[in-house]
């Protein structure tokens, strides 16, 4: 598995790796720098209202520890009205801005941490990657999510190898509700508060037309008590008057089909 990935990396020349702070891209960056050296594998991380601050801190920490050549950039998606409108294919515009910002800063081959399991889902960001000739070494090496976690452990990432999936904060906002930084910051505040208060296995704060929905794993739903009023105070004024409810976690429940 590691040998197959190394074989792919060896064919790519100098590379620039888009690192979000999730385990896939962190693992790819770690192994690429170990294999190619920091001089041949640059790391790009976009700082954005849609990226949880702890993800950026994770990237900074590993960059310091592993000796990465790290560039923090603004991908500019919050200046893109197509992204802000939050259409069904929002990720196309997000990744288009990201890869556009990276290719404007380097002539190296751009890489992503996409793995085989990602190909079975609707991911318009992959169309944007294709437009910028982005390569996906995990896919080319036949590596899926479980393999990525195994590689992370072997590469010395320790507990990070079990880092749970955490899509960008914009994924919490129902399709075609406009994205704004204040709402994303509130989503993050609520999720962080609940993580510290009741240690859920999974937590998502969804912004929907019907109101604000906090999704939790079944065990954690029993421990929310009267937290609704506390959580509502964490919302911006535009959402404080909306109904706030708790529901079981459903993957991608804010993502709905295009409306007429």
Foldseek 3Di string as FASTA:
>chain_A
DLVLLLVVLVPFWAEEEEAQLALLSVLVQLSSCVNPNQVRYAYEYEDDLQRPPVSVVSVVVCCVVRVHNYDYHHLCLVVPVVLQQQALQNLLSVLLSVLVVVVVPDVGAYEYSDAPVVVVDDHNSVVSCVVNVHDYSRHSSRHDLVNSLVSCVVSPVPPSSVPDDDGTLVLQEAGRPGDDSQQSVLQSVLVVVLCVPQVFPDWGWHQDPQAIEIATAPVSVVVCPPCPQVSLVSHPPVRSPHDYYYDHDDPSPSNDHGDD
